[in-house]
Amino acid sequence: MRPHLPHDRWIKLAAWLLLGFCVAATVVPIGLRPHAMLPPNADRALAFAAVGALFALAYPRYWLLIAILLVGGAFAIESMQYLSPSRHPSLSDAVVKSAGALVGIAVMRALLFAWARGRGAR
């Protein structure tokens, strides 16, 4: 769907590092959690949208598997909050994270599709 980019490894690394950051931010004690200027749900959705978009860019052929794994991962990550006494897992937080990931994947897929169509018209 997209050509080989010279920085493919960096895109993959960025996707995995951002996912790791999201996992860490979700499960660390509340006092260590990074705080954004956005409302919490917007923060969650945007973070997972960025993760979804980066993974869809890094692995464009596996977008469906990425979607399944990120949705399942959002629920798994949220449930890991049971390990921290200062955190409180929430089904709605997992849904927001999942929705953000799916939106990120969809937006990146649309951009890649438009880019491929534009390249084919030349």
Protein backbone atom coordinates (compact mmCIF):
# COMPACT_ATOMS: atom_id res chain seq x y z
CA MET A 1 0.00 0.00 0.00
CA ARG A 2 2.87 2.36 0.64
CA PRO A 3 6.39 2.26 -0.70
CA HIS A 4 9.36 1.35 1.41
CA LEU A 5 10.40 4.45 3.28
CA PRO A 6 14.04 4.99 4.17
CA HIS A 7 13.03 5.50 7.79
CA ASP A 8 10.78 2.43 8.22
CA ARG A 9 12.78 1.23 11.21
CA TRP A 10 12.37 4.59 12.91
CA ILE A 11 8.61 4.53 12.33
CA LYS A 12 8.39 1.06 13.87
CA LEU A 13 10.59 2.09 16.77
CA ALA A 14 8.46 5.19 17.37
CA ALA A 15 5.27 3.09 17.35
CA TRP A 16 6.63 0.63 19.92
CA LEU A 17 8.12 3.37 22.11
CA LEU A 18 4.86 5.31 22.14
CA LEU A 19 2.93 2.16 23.02
CA GLY A 20 5.40 1.51 25.85
CA PHE A 21 4.95 5.06 27.08
CA CYS A 22 1.15 4.65 27.04
CA VAL A 23 1.42 1.39 28.99
CA ALA A 24 3.72 3.00 31.53
CA ALA A 25 1.49 6.08 31.89
CA THR A 26 -1.51 3.83 32.45
CA VAL A 27 -0.05 1.57 35.12
CA VAL A 28 2.34 3.74 37.13
CA PRO A 29 1.12 5.15 40.45
CA ILE A 30 -1.06 8.21 39.96
CA GLY A 31 1.62 10.56 41.29
CA LEU A 32 4.03 9.51 38.53
CA ARG A 33 1.49 9.76 35.72
CA PRO A 34 2.22 12.54 33.22
CA HIS A 35 -0.44 15.23 33.13
CA ALA A 36 -1.59 16.93 29.96
CA MET A 37 -3.42 20.19 29.43
CA LEU A 38 -6.30 18.25 27.89
CA PRO A 39 -9.25 16.63 29.62
CA PRO A 40 -8.40 13.02 30.59
CA ASN A 41 -10.59 11.37 27.92
CA ALA A 42 -9.14 13.57 25.17
CA ASP A 43 -5.65 12.78 26.44
CA ARG A 44 -6.35 9.03 26.37
CA ALA A 45 -8.01 9.12 22.96
CA LEU A 46 -5.28 11.22 21.34
CA ALA A 47 -2.49 9.11 22.79
CA PHE A 48 -4.01 5.90 21.49
CA ALA A 49 -4.91 7.54 18.16
CA ALA A 50 -1.22 8.36 17.75
CA VAL A 51 -0.30 4.77 18.63
CA GLY A 52 -2.85 3.42 16.15
CA ALA A 53 -1.70 5.78 13.40
CA LEU A 54 1.98 4.95 13.92
CA PHE A 55 1.34 1.20 13.91
CA ALA A 56 -0.84 1.52 10.79
CA LEU A 57 1.98 3.42 9.10
CA ALA A 58 4.67 1.02 10.30
CA TYR A 59 2.75 -2.15 9.40
CA PRO A 60 0.20 -1.15 6.73
CA ARG A 61 -0.58 -4.69 5.59
CA TYR A 62 -1.53 -5.76 9.12
CA TRP A 63 -4.02 -3.02 9.95
CA LEU A 64 -6.77 -5.43 11.00
CA LEU A 65 -4.47 -7.38 13.31
CA ILE A 66 -3.20 -4.07 14.71
CA ALA A 67 -6.79 -2.96 15.37
CA ILE A 68 -7.62 -6.20 17.17
CA LEU A 69 -4.45 -6.14 19.24
CA LEU A 70 -4.74 -2.47 20.20
CA VAL A 71 -8.39 -2.83 21.26
CA GLY A 72 -7.57 -5.94 23.29
CA GLY A 73 -4.45 -4.25 24.58
CA ALA A 74 -6.37 -1.19 25.73
CA PHE A 75 -8.56 -3.39 27.92
CA ALA A 76 -5.56 -5.40 29.15
CA ILE A 77 -3.56 -2.28 29.95
CA GLU A 78 -6.50 -0.76 31.78
CA SER A 79 -6.96 -3.93 33.84
CA MET A 80 -3.28 -3.78 34.84
CA GLN A 81 -4.23 -0.79 36.98
CA TYR A 82 -5.50 -3.29 39.54
CA LEU A 83 -1.81 -3.82 40.37
CA SER A 84 -1.44 -0.24 41.61
CA PRO A 85 -3.39 0.74 44.74
CA SER A 86 -3.48 4.41 43.68
CA ARG A 87 -5.08 3.68 40.28
CA HIS A 88 -8.67 2.80 39.45
CA PRO A 89 -9.36 0.88 36.25
CA SER A 90 -12.43 1.85 34.29
CA LEU A 91 -14.28 0.18 31.46
CA SER A 92 -15.06 3.60 29.97
CA ASP A 93 -11.33 4.48 29.92
CA ALA A 94 -10.60 1.28 27.98
CA VAL A 95 -13.38 2.11 25.52
CA VAL A 96 -11.99 5.62 24.99
CA LYS A 97 -8.50 4.22 24.41
CA SER A 98 -9.85 1.61 21.99
CA ALA A 99 -11.85 4.21 20.08
CA GLY A 100 -8.80 6.44 19.85
CA ALA A 101 -6.69 3.59 18.47
CA LEU A 102 -9.34 2.73 15.87
CA VAL A 103 -9.66 6.36 14.78
CA GLY A 104 -5.89 6.64 14.45
CA ILE A 105 -5.74 3.49 12.33
CA ALA A 106 -8.64 4.66 10.15
CA VAL A 107 -7.14 8.11 9.59
CA MET A 108 -3.75 6.67 8.66
CA ARG A 109 -5.35 4.12 6.33
CA ALA A 110 -7.29 6.92 4.63
CA LEU A 111 -4.14 9.02 4.26
CA LEU A 112 -2.19 6.08 2.83
CA PHE A 113 -5.03 5.29 0.44
CA ALA A 114 -5.23 8.91 -0.74
CA TRP A 115 -1.46 9.06 -1.11
CA ALA A 116 -1.43 5.84 -3.16
CA ARG A 117 -4.24 7.11 -5.42
CA GLY A 118 -2.46 10.41 -5.91
CA ARG A 119 0.76 8.62 -6.83
CA GLY A 120 -1.08 6.36 -9.27
CA ALA A 121 -2.63 9.34 -11.11
CA ARG A 122 0.79 10.68 -12.12
